Amino acid sequence: MRTLVTLLSLGLLLATFAGCSNTEDASAGIGDTVKVKYVGRLAENGDVFDSSATGEPLEFKLGQGEMIPGFEAGVMGMKVGDTKTITIPSDSAYGPRSEQLVTRVPKDQIPENVTLEVGRVLRFNPPGGRPMQMRILEIDDTSIVVDANSPLAGKDLMFDLEMMEIIPGE
């Protein structure tokens, strides 16, 4: 009788574990929410442009287009605890720099309460569009020249990545 109870208990225990998945061995995939620590550097000279190394990890859902394509592709397949360095060509990052995004704007179209100085970033919310940032490149008596390119446009990037957590998608 004792053997039967032991076997039944063992069977129940195995059935319970069979329904569990080991999330430590899970690889990040489409639909998963991930938490990643990173250091972003310019590939050409190694200068750091962004980092979460000393703060909270970056959290995002894979497959939602929240991140640049090369970053998301680099995170795919990582497991908790994995570290790696990826290089992302500009086409899979912020794209090429476009001279069409550099334009002259008459000063009378800029609100009077906006302080104009070269290098300052202006935020603009076009009707029905996505918010944009434009950096002031030049100022003269009647107009300003603004650049709506990302500061990282046209640049190859490197990221040191560490996978901190994977929350499986549903």
N, C-alpha and C. Protein backbone atom coordinates (compact mmCIF):
# COMPACT_ATOMS: atom_id res chain seq x y z
N MET A 1 0.82 -1.19 0.00
CA MET A 1 0.00 0.00 0.00
C MET A 1 0.87 1.26 0.00
N ARG A 2 1.92 1.25 0.84
CA ARG A 2 2.81 2.39 0.92
C ARG A 2 3.45 2.68 -0.45
N THR A 3 3.82 1.65 -1.19
CA THR A 3 4.42 1.79 -2.51
C THR A 3 3.43 2.44 -3.47
N LEU A 4 2.17 2.05 -3.40
CA LEU A 4 1.13 2.61 -4.26
C LEU A 4 0.95 4.09 -3.97
N VAL A 5 0.91 4.48 -2.70
CA VAL A 5 0.77 5.89 -2.32
C VAL A 5 1.98 6.69 -2.79
N THR A 6 3.18 6.12 -2.65
CA THR A 6 4.40 6.79 -3.10
C THR A 6 4.37 6.98 -4.61
N LEU A 7 3.97 5.95 -5.34
CA LEU A 7 3.89 6.05 -6.80
C LEU A 7 2.84 7.07 -7.23
N LEU A 8 1.69 7.08 -6.55
CA LEU A 8 0.65 8.06 -6.88
C LEU A 8 1.14 9.48 -6.58
N SER A 9 1.83 9.66 -5.46
CA SER A 9 2.36 10.98 -5.11
C SER A 9 3.40 11.43 -6.13
N LEU A 10 4.28 10.50 -6.53
CA LEU A 10 5.30 10.81 -7.51
C LEU A 10 4.67 11.16 -8.84
N GLY A 11 3.63 10.42 -9.23
CA GLY A 11 2.92 10.71 -10.48
C GLY A 11 2.27 12.08 -10.45
N LEU A 12 1.67 12.43 -9.32
CA LEU A 12 1.04 13.75 -9.16
C LEU A 12 2.08 14.86 -9.23
N LEU A 13 3.23 14.62 -8.60
CA LEU A 13 4.32 15.59 -8.62
C LEU A 13 4.84 15.79 -10.04
N LEU A 14 5.06 14.70 -10.77
CA LEU A 14 5.54 14.80 -12.15
C LEU A 14 4.52 15.50 -13.05
N ALA A 15 3.25 15.21 -12.86
CA ALA A 15 2.20 15.87 -13.65
C ALA A 15 2.18 17.37 -13.38
N THR A 16 2.41 17.75 -12.13
CA THR A 16 2.45 19.18 -11.79
C THR A 16 3.61 19.87 -12.49
N PHE A 17 4.81 19.23 -12.44
CA PHE A 17 5.97 19.84 -13.08
C PHE A 17 5.87 19.84 -14.60
N ALA A 18 5.17 18.89 -15.16
CA ALA A 18 5.03 18.82 -16.62
C ALA A 18 4.29 20.03 -17.16
N GLY A 19 3.41 20.62 -16.35
CA GLY A 19 2.66 21.80 -16.78
C GLY A 19 3.42 23.09 -16.62
N CYS A 20 4.59 23.04 -15.98
CA CYS A 20 5.39 24.25 -15.74
C CYS A 20 6.42 24.39 -16.83
N SER A 21 6.75 25.63 -17.16
CA SER A 21 7.84 25.85 -18.10
C SER A 21 8.96 26.56 -17.37
N ASN A 22 10.16 26.28 -17.77
CA ASN A 22 11.33 26.89 -17.15
C ASN A 22 11.63 28.19 -17.89
N THR A 23 11.22 29.32 -17.31
CA THR A 23 11.38 30.60 -17.98
C THR A 23 12.83 31.04 -18.06
N GLU A 24 13.71 30.44 -17.21
CA GLU A 24 15.12 30.80 -17.27
C GLU A 24 15.74 30.35 -18.59
N ASP A 25 15.20 29.29 -19.20
CA ASP A 25 15.73 28.78 -20.45
C ASP A 25 15.03 29.37 -21.66
N ALA A 26 14.00 30.19 -21.44
CA ALA A 26 13.21 30.73 -22.55
C ALA A 26 14.03 31.77 -23.31
N SER A 27 13.87 31.75 -24.62
CA SER A 27 14.50 32.75 -25.48
C SER A 27 13.47 33.83 -25.81
N ALA A 28 13.94 35.06 -25.92
CA ALA A 28 13.05 36.18 -26.25
C ALA A 28 12.53 36.02 -27.67
N GLY A 29 11.22 36.20 -27.83
CA GLY A 29 10.61 36.08 -29.15
C GLY A 29 9.47 37.08 -29.32
N ILE A 30 8.92 37.13 -30.51
CA ILE A 30 7.83 38.04 -30.84
C ILE A 30 6.71 37.90 -29.81
N GLY A 31 6.23 39.02 -29.30
CA GLY A 31 5.14 39.04 -28.33
C GLY A 31 5.61 39.08 -26.89
N ASP A 32 6.88 38.73 -26.65
CA ASP A 32 7.41 38.78 -25.29
C ASP A 32 7.75 40.22 -24.91
N THR A 33 7.57 40.54 -23.64
CA THR A 33 8.05 41.81 -23.10
C THR A 33 9.41 41.52 -22.48
N VAL A 34 10.40 42.34 -22.82
CA VAL A 34 11.75 42.11 -22.33
C VAL A 34 12.25 43.33 -21.56
N LYS A 35 13.18 43.07 -20.66
CA LYS A 35 13.88 44.13 -19.93
C LYS A 35 15.36 43.93 -20.22
N VAL A 36 15.97 44.96 -20.80
CA VAL A 36 17.34 44.88 -21.29
C VAL A 36 18.14 46.06 -20.76
N LYS A 37 19.34 45.78 -20.27
CA LYS A 37 20.30 46.86 -19.97
C LYS A 37 21.17 47.00 -21.22
N TYR A 38 21.55 48.24 -21.53
CA TYR A 38 22.34 48.47 -22.74
C TYR A 38 23.27 49.67 -22.58
N VAL A 39 24.30 49.67 -23.40
CA VAL A 39 25.16 50.84 -23.61
C VAL A 39 25.21 51.02 -25.11
N GLY A 40 24.76 52.20 -25.59
CA GLY A 40 24.77 52.50 -27.02
C GLY A 40 25.98 53.35 -27.35
N ARG A 41 26.73 52.92 -28.39
CA ARG A 41 27.93 53.65 -28.81
C ARG A 41 27.92 53.85 -30.31
N LEU A 42 28.59 54.90 -30.75
CA LEU A 42 28.78 55.11 -32.18
C LEU A 42 29.82 54.12 -32.67
N ALA A 43 29.54 53.42 -33.76
CA ALA A 43 30.46 52.40 -34.27
C ALA A 43 31.77 53.02 -34.75
N GLU A 44 31.70 54.26 -35.26
CA GLU A 44 32.91 54.86 -35.84
C GLU A 44 33.98 55.21 -34.83
N ASN A 45 33.57 55.56 -33.59
CA ASN A 45 34.59 56.00 -32.63
C ASN A 45 34.35 55.49 -31.20
N GLY A 46 33.27 54.76 -30.96
CA GLY A 46 33.00 54.20 -29.64
C GLY A 46 32.40 55.17 -28.65
N ASP A 47 32.11 56.41 -29.07
CA ASP A 47 31.51 57.38 -28.14
C ASP A 47 30.13 56.90 -27.69
N VAL A 48 29.89 56.95 -26.37
CA VAL A 48 28.61 56.54 -25.81
C VAL A 48 27.58 57.64 -26.05
N PHE A 49 26.42 57.27 -26.60
CA PHE A 49 25.35 58.25 -26.82
C PHE A 49 24.15 58.00 -25.92
N ASP A 50 24.05 56.79 -25.32
CA ASP A 50 22.94 56.49 -24.43
C ASP A 50 23.29 55.24 -23.63
N SER A 51 22.71 55.12 -22.42
CA SER A 51 22.99 53.96 -21.60
C SER A 51 21.92 53.79 -20.53
N SER A 52 21.63 52.52 -20.23
CA SER A 52 20.76 52.21 -19.10
C SER A 52 21.55 51.40 -18.07
N ALA A 53 22.87 51.36 -18.22
CA ALA A 53 23.72 50.51 -17.39
C ALA A 53 23.58 50.79 -15.90
N THR A 54 23.40 52.04 -15.51
CA THR A 54 23.31 52.36 -14.08
C THR A 54 21.89 52.65 -13.63
N GLY A 55 20.93 52.58 -14.54
CA GLY A 55 19.53 52.86 -14.19
C GLY A 55 18.67 51.64 -14.40
N GLU A 56 17.40 51.91 -14.58
CA GLU A 56 16.43 50.86 -14.83
C GLU A 56 16.63 50.29 -16.23
N PRO A 57 16.40 48.99 -16.41
CA PRO A 57 16.51 48.43 -17.75
C PRO A 57 15.41 48.97 -18.67
N LEU A 58 15.70 48.95 -19.93
CA LEU A 58 14.74 49.34 -20.96
C LEU A 58 13.73 48.20 -21.10
N GLU A 59 12.45 48.53 -21.06
CA GLU A 59 11.40 47.52 -21.19
C GLU A 59 10.60 47.79 -22.46
N PHE A 60 10.40 46.75 -23.27
CA PHE A 60 9.59 46.90 -24.47
C PHE A 60 9.07 45.53 -24.91
N LYS A 61 8.06 45.56 -25.76
CA LYS A 61 7.45 44.33 -26.28
C LYS A 61 7.99 44.06 -27.68
N LEU A 62 8.53 42.89 -27.89
CA LEU A 62 9.09 42.52 -29.19
C LEU A 62 7.99 42.38 -30.23
N GLY A 63 8.27 42.90 -31.43
CA GLY A 63 7.33 42.78 -32.54
C GLY A 63 6.35 43.93 -32.65
N GLN A 64 6.47 44.95 -31.81
CA GLN A 64 5.54 46.08 -31.83
C GLN A 64 6.10 47.31 -32.55
N GLY A 65 7.36 47.23 -32.98
CA GLY A 65 7.97 48.37 -33.67
C GLY A 65 8.33 49.52 -32.73
N GLU A 66 8.46 49.22 -31.44
CA GLU A 66 8.79 50.26 -30.47
C GLU A 66 10.26 50.66 -30.54
N MET A 67 11.09 49.76 -31.04
CA MET A 67 12.53 49.98 -31.09
C MET A 67 13.00 50.01 -32.53
N ILE A 68 14.22 50.53 -32.74
CA ILE A 68 14.77 50.48 -34.10
C ILE A 68 14.93 49.01 -34.49
N PRO A 69 14.76 48.69 -35.77
CA PRO A 69 14.75 47.28 -36.20
C PRO A 69 15.99 46.49 -35.80
N GLY A 70 17.17 47.06 -35.93
CA GLY A 70 18.40 46.33 -35.60
C GLY A 70 18.52 46.00 -34.13
N PHE A 71 18.02 46.88 -33.26
CA PHE A 71 18.06 46.63 -31.82
C PHE A 71 17.14 45.46 -31.49
N GLU A 72 15.93 45.52 -32.02
CA GLU A 72 14.96 44.45 -31.77
C GLU A 72 15.49 43.11 -32.29
N ALA A 73 16.06 43.10 -33.48
CA ALA A 73 16.61 41.86 -34.04
C ALA A 73 17.75 41.33 -33.17
N GLY A 74 18.55 42.22 -32.60
CA GLY A 74 19.66 41.80 -31.75
C GLY A 74 19.21 41.18 -30.45
N VAL A 75 18.06 41.59 -29.94
CA VAL A 75 17.53 41.07 -28.68
C VAL A 75 16.84 39.71 -28.88
N MET A 76 16.28 39.49 -30.06
CA MET A 76 15.57 38.23 -30.35
C MET A 76 16.48 37.04 -30.09
N GLY A 77 15.96 36.05 -29.40
CA GLY A 77 16.72 34.83 -29.16
C GLY A 77 17.59 34.86 -27.92
N MET A 78 17.75 36.04 -27.30
CA MET A 78 18.56 36.10 -26.07
C MET A 78 17.79 35.44 -24.92
N LYS A 79 18.53 34.95 -23.94
CA LYS A 79 17.97 34.36 -22.73
C LYS A 79 18.37 35.24 -21.55
N VAL A 80 17.64 35.12 -20.45
CA VAL A 80 17.97 35.88 -19.25
C VAL A 80 19.41 35.59 -18.86
N GLY A 81 20.17 36.66 -18.63
CA GLY A 81 21.58 36.53 -18.26
C GLY A 81 22.53 36.64 -19.44
N ASP A 82 22.01 36.47 -20.67
CA ASP A 82 22.87 36.58 -21.86
C ASP A 82 23.39 38.01 -22.00
N THR A 83 24.62 38.13 -22.48
CA THR A 83 25.20 39.42 -22.84
C THR A 83 25.78 39.28 -24.24
N LYS A 84 25.74 40.36 -24.99
CA LYS A 84 26.38 40.37 -26.30
C LYS A 84 26.51 41.80 -26.79
N THR A 85 27.35 41.97 -27.79
CA THR A 85 27.52 43.26 -28.45
C THR A 85 27.03 43.10 -29.89
N ILE A 86 26.19 44.04 -30.31
CA ILE A 86 25.68 44.01 -31.68
C ILE A 86 26.08 45.30 -32.39
N THR A 87 26.28 45.21 -33.69
CA THR A 87 26.53 46.38 -34.53
C THR A 87 25.34 46.52 -35.47
N ILE A 88 24.78 47.72 -35.51
CA ILE A 88 23.60 47.97 -36.33
C ILE A 88 23.95 48.99 -37.40
N PRO A 89 23.87 48.60 -38.68
CA PRO A 89 24.10 49.58 -39.74
C PRO A 89 23.01 50.64 -39.73
N SER A 90 23.33 51.81 -40.21
CA SER A 90 22.39 52.95 -40.15
C SER A 90 21.03 52.62 -40.78
N ASP A 91 21.02 51.79 -41.82
CA ASP A 91 19.74 51.43 -42.46
C ASP A 91 18.80 50.67 -41.53
N SER A 92 19.35 49.96 -40.53
CA SER A 92 18.53 49.24 -39.56
C SER A 92 18.43 49.98 -38.24
N ALA A 93 18.92 51.22 -38.24
CA ALA A 93 18.86 52.06 -37.04
C ALA A 93 17.94 53.25 -37.34
N TYR A 94 18.52 54.42 -37.53
CA TYR A 94 17.71 55.62 -37.77
C TYR A 94 17.69 56.03 -39.24
N GLY A 95 18.21 55.17 -40.11
CA GLY A 95 18.17 55.43 -41.54
C GLY A 95 19.22 56.45 -41.97
N PRO A 96 19.27 56.71 -43.26
CA PRO A 96 20.24 57.69 -43.77
C PRO A 96 19.82 59.11 -43.42
N ARG A 97 20.79 59.98 -43.37
CA ARG A 97 20.51 61.40 -43.17
C ARG A 97 19.88 61.94 -44.45
N SER A 98 18.82 62.74 -44.32
CA SER A 98 18.11 63.28 -45.47
C SER A 98 18.18 64.81 -45.47
N GLU A 99 18.71 65.35 -46.52
CA GLU A 99 18.77 66.81 -46.65
C GLU A 99 17.38 67.41 -46.82
N GLN A 100 16.38 66.59 -47.20
CA GLN A 100 15.01 67.08 -47.31
C GLN A 100 14.42 67.43 -45.95
N LEU A 101 15.04 66.94 -44.88
CA LEU A 101 14.57 67.25 -43.54
C LEU A 101 15.25 68.48 -42.94
N VAL A 102 16.07 69.13 -43.74
CA VAL A 102 16.67 70.40 -43.34
C VAL A 102 15.93 71.48 -44.11
N THR A 103 15.34 72.42 -43.38
CA THR A 103 14.51 73.43 -44.04
C THR A 103 14.63 74.79 -43.36
N ARG A 104 14.33 75.82 -44.12
CA ARG A 104 14.32 77.19 -43.63
C ARG A 104 12.88 77.55 -43.26
N VAL A 105 12.72 78.13 -42.07
CA VAL A 105 11.40 78.51 -41.57
C VAL A 105 11.41 80.01 -41.27
N PRO A 106 10.44 80.76 -41.80
CA PRO A 106 10.37 82.20 -41.46
C PRO A 106 10.16 82.39 -39.96
N LYS A 107 10.85 83.36 -39.39
CA LYS A 107 10.76 83.62 -37.95
C LYS A 107 9.33 83.96 -37.53
N ASP A 108 8.55 84.57 -38.42
CA ASP A 108 7.18 84.95 -38.03
C ASP A 108 6.27 83.73 -37.85
N GLN A 109 6.74 82.53 -38.21
CA GLN A 109 5.96 81.31 -37.99
C GLN A 109 6.33 80.63 -36.66
N ILE A 110 7.30 81.20 -35.97
CA ILE A 110 7.74 80.65 -34.68
C ILE A 110 7.07 81.46 -33.57
N PRO A 111 6.44 80.81 -32.60
CA PRO A 111 5.82 81.56 -31.50
C PRO A 111 6.83 82.48 -30.82
N GLU A 112 6.37 83.65 -30.41
CA GLU A 112 7.26 84.66 -29.82
C GLU A 112 7.89 84.20 -28.51
N ASN A 113 7.24 83.29 -27.80
CA ASN A 113 7.78 82.86 -26.51
C ASN A 113 8.89 81.80 -26.64
N VAL A 114 9.23 81.40 -27.86
CA VAL A 114 10.27 80.41 -28.08
C VAL A 114 11.62 81.12 -28.22
N THR A 115 12.56 80.72 -27.36
CA THR A 115 13.91 81.28 -27.43
C THR A 115 14.67 80.59 -28.55
N LEU A 116 15.19 81.37 -29.46
CA LEU A 116 15.92 80.82 -30.60
C LEU A 116 17.42 80.91 -30.34
N GLU A 117 18.08 79.75 -30.38
CA GLU A 117 19.53 79.71 -30.30
C GLU A 117 20.02 78.48 -31.05
N VAL A 118 21.16 78.62 -31.72
CA VAL A 118 21.72 77.53 -32.51
C VAL A 118 22.00 76.34 -31.59
N GLY A 119 21.58 75.15 -32.03
CA GLY A 119 21.77 73.93 -31.26
C GLY A 119 20.56 73.53 -30.44
N ARG A 120 19.67 74.47 -30.18
CA ARG A 120 18.48 74.17 -29.38
C ARG A 120 17.56 73.23 -30.15
N VAL A 121 16.91 72.33 -29.42
CA VAL A 121 15.96 71.39 -30.03
C VAL A 121 14.55 71.91 -29.78
N LEU A 122 13.80 72.06 -30.86
CA LEU A 122 12.40 72.47 -30.78
C LEU A 122 11.52 71.23 -30.97
N ARG A 123 10.46 71.17 -30.21
CA ARG A 123 9.50 70.09 -30.36
C ARG A 123 8.26 70.64 -31.06
N PHE A 124 7.78 69.87 -32.04
CA PHE A 124 6.69 70.33 -32.88
C PHE A 124 5.66 69.21 -32.99
N ASN A 125 4.39 69.53 -32.76
CA ASN A 125 3.31 68.55 -32.88
C ASN A 125 2.42 68.92 -34.06
N PRO A 126 2.71 68.36 -35.25
CA PRO A 126 1.88 68.68 -36.40
C PRO A 126 0.47 68.11 -36.23
N PRO A 127 -0.55 68.79 -36.76
CA PRO A 127 -1.92 68.29 -36.64
C PRO A 127 -2.03 66.89 -37.26
N GLY A 128 -2.50 65.93 -36.46
CA GLY A 128 -2.71 64.58 -36.95
C GLY A 128 -1.45 63.77 -37.18
N GLY A 129 -0.29 64.32 -36.86
CA GLY A 129 0.97 63.60 -37.09
C GLY A 129 1.68 63.25 -35.81
N ARG A 130 2.82 62.61 -35.95
CA ARG A 130 3.64 62.26 -34.80
C ARG A 130 4.47 63.46 -34.37
N PRO A 131 4.70 63.61 -33.06
CA PRO A 131 5.56 64.71 -32.59
C PRO A 131 6.94 64.61 -33.22
N MET A 132 7.51 65.77 -33.53
CA MET A 132 8.83 65.83 -34.17
C MET A 132 9.76 66.69 -33.34
N GLN A 133 11.05 66.43 -33.49
CA GLN A 133 12.06 67.28 -32.89
C GLN A 133 12.90 67.86 -34.02
N MET A 134 13.22 69.14 -33.91
CA MET A 134 14.03 69.80 -34.91
C MET A 134 15.11 70.60 -34.19
N ARG A 135 16.34 70.44 -34.65
CA ARG A 135 17.46 71.16 -34.07
C ARG A 135 17.73 72.41 -34.90
N ILE A 136 17.92 73.55 -34.22
CA ILE A 136 18.21 74.80 -34.93
C ILE A 136 19.66 74.79 -35.37
N LEU A 137 19.88 74.95 -36.67
CA LEU A 137 21.23 74.96 -37.23
C LEU A 137 21.75 76.37 -37.48
N GLU A 138 20.81 77.29 -37.79
CA GLU A 138 21.23 78.61 -38.25
C GLU A 138 20.11 79.62 -37.95
N ILE A 139 20.49 80.84 -37.64
CA ILE A 139 19.51 81.92 -37.40
C ILE A 139 19.99 83.16 -38.13
N ASP A 140 19.07 83.80 -38.87
CA ASP A 140 19.40 85.11 -39.44
C ASP A 140 18.26 86.08 -39.09
N ASP A 141 18.24 87.24 -39.70
CA ASP A 141 17.26 88.26 -39.33
C ASP A 141 15.81 87.86 -39.60
N THR A 142 15.57 87.04 -40.64
CA THR A 142 14.20 86.74 -41.03
C THR A 142 13.78 85.28 -40.90
N SER A 143 14.76 84.38 -40.71
CA SER A 143 14.41 82.96 -40.69
C SER A 143 15.38 82.15 -39.83
N ILE A 144 15.00 80.89 -39.64
CA ILE A 144 15.89 79.93 -38.99
C ILE A 144 15.98 78.70 -39.89
N VAL A 145 17.09 77.97 -39.78
CA VAL A 145 17.24 76.70 -40.48
C VAL A 145 17.17 75.61 -39.42
N VAL A 146 16.25 74.65 -39.65
CA VAL A 146 16.07 73.55 -38.70
C VAL A 146 16.36 72.22 -39.39
N ASP A 147 16.78 71.25 -38.58
CA ASP A 147 17.10 69.91 -39.06
C ASP A 147 16.24 68.92 -38.29
N ALA A 148 15.34 68.20 -39.00
CA ALA A 148 14.46 67.23 -38.37
C ALA A 148 15.02 65.81 -38.40
N ASN A 149 16.25 65.64 -38.89
CA ASN A 149 16.90 64.33 -38.84
C ASN A 149 17.20 63.96 -37.40
N SER A 150 17.15 62.68 -37.10
CA SER A 150 17.63 62.22 -35.80
C SER A 150 19.13 62.52 -35.72
N PRO A 151 19.63 62.88 -34.56
CA PRO A 151 21.08 63.09 -34.44
C PRO A 151 21.87 61.82 -34.78
N LEU A 152 21.21 60.65 -34.75
CA LEU A 152 21.88 59.39 -35.05
C LEU A 152 21.64 58.91 -36.49
N ALA A 153 20.93 59.71 -37.29
CA ALA A 153 20.68 59.34 -38.70
C ALA A 153 22.01 59.25 -39.44
N GLY A 154 22.13 58.22 -40.27
CA GLY A 154 23.33 58.03 -41.08
C GLY A 154 24.49 57.43 -40.32
N LYS A 155 24.29 57.03 -39.07
CA LYS A 155 25.38 56.49 -38.26
C LYS A 155 25.16 55.01 -37.95
N ASP A 156 26.26 54.24 -38.03
CA ASP A 156 26.23 52.86 -37.59
C ASP A 156 26.38 52.87 -36.08
N LEU A 157 25.63 51.99 -35.41
CA LEU A 157 25.60 51.97 -33.95
C LEU A 157 26.05 50.63 -33.40
N MET A 158 26.56 50.65 -32.17
CA MET A 158 26.91 49.43 -31.45
C MET A 158 26.19 49.46 -30.11
N PHE A 159 25.70 48.30 -29.69
CA PHE A 159 25.05 48.18 -28.39
C PHE A 159 25.63 47.00 -27.63
N ASP A 160 26.02 47.23 -26.38
CA ASP A 160 26.33 46.15 -25.45
C ASP A 160 25.02 45.85 -24.75
N LEU A 161 24.55 44.60 -24.85
CA LEU A 161 23.25 44.22 -24.32
C LEU A 161 23.38 43.20 -23.19
N GLU A 162 22.48 43.29 -22.22
CA GLU A 162 22.34 42.27 -21.18
C GLU A 162 20.86 42.03 -20.95
N MET A 163 20.41 40.79 -21.16
CA MET A 163 19.00 40.45 -20.97
C MET A 163 18.74 40.26 -19.47
N MET A 164 17.84 41.08 -18.93
CA MET A 164 17.54 41.03 -17.51
C MET A 164 16.30 40.19 -17.19
N GLU A 165 15.28 40.29 -18.07
CA GLU A 165 14.03 39.58 -17.79
C GLU A 165 13.26 39.39 -19.09
N ILE A 166 12.56 38.27 -19.17
CA ILE A 166 11.66 37.99 -20.29
C ILE A 166 10.29 37.67 -19.69
N ILE A 167 9.29 38.42 -20.11
CA ILE A 167 7.92 38.17 -19.67
C ILE A 167 7.20 37.59 -20.89
N PRO A 168 6.88 36.29 -20.85
CA PRO A 168 6.29 35.65 -22.04
C PRO A 168 5.01 36.35 -22.50
N GLY A 169 4.87 36.45 -23.82
CA GLY A 169 3.66 37.00 -24.42
C GLY A 169 2.53 36.00 -24.30
N GLU A 170 1.34 36.48 -24.56
CA GLU A 170 0.17 35.60 -24.44
C GLU A 170 -0.35 35.19 -25.78
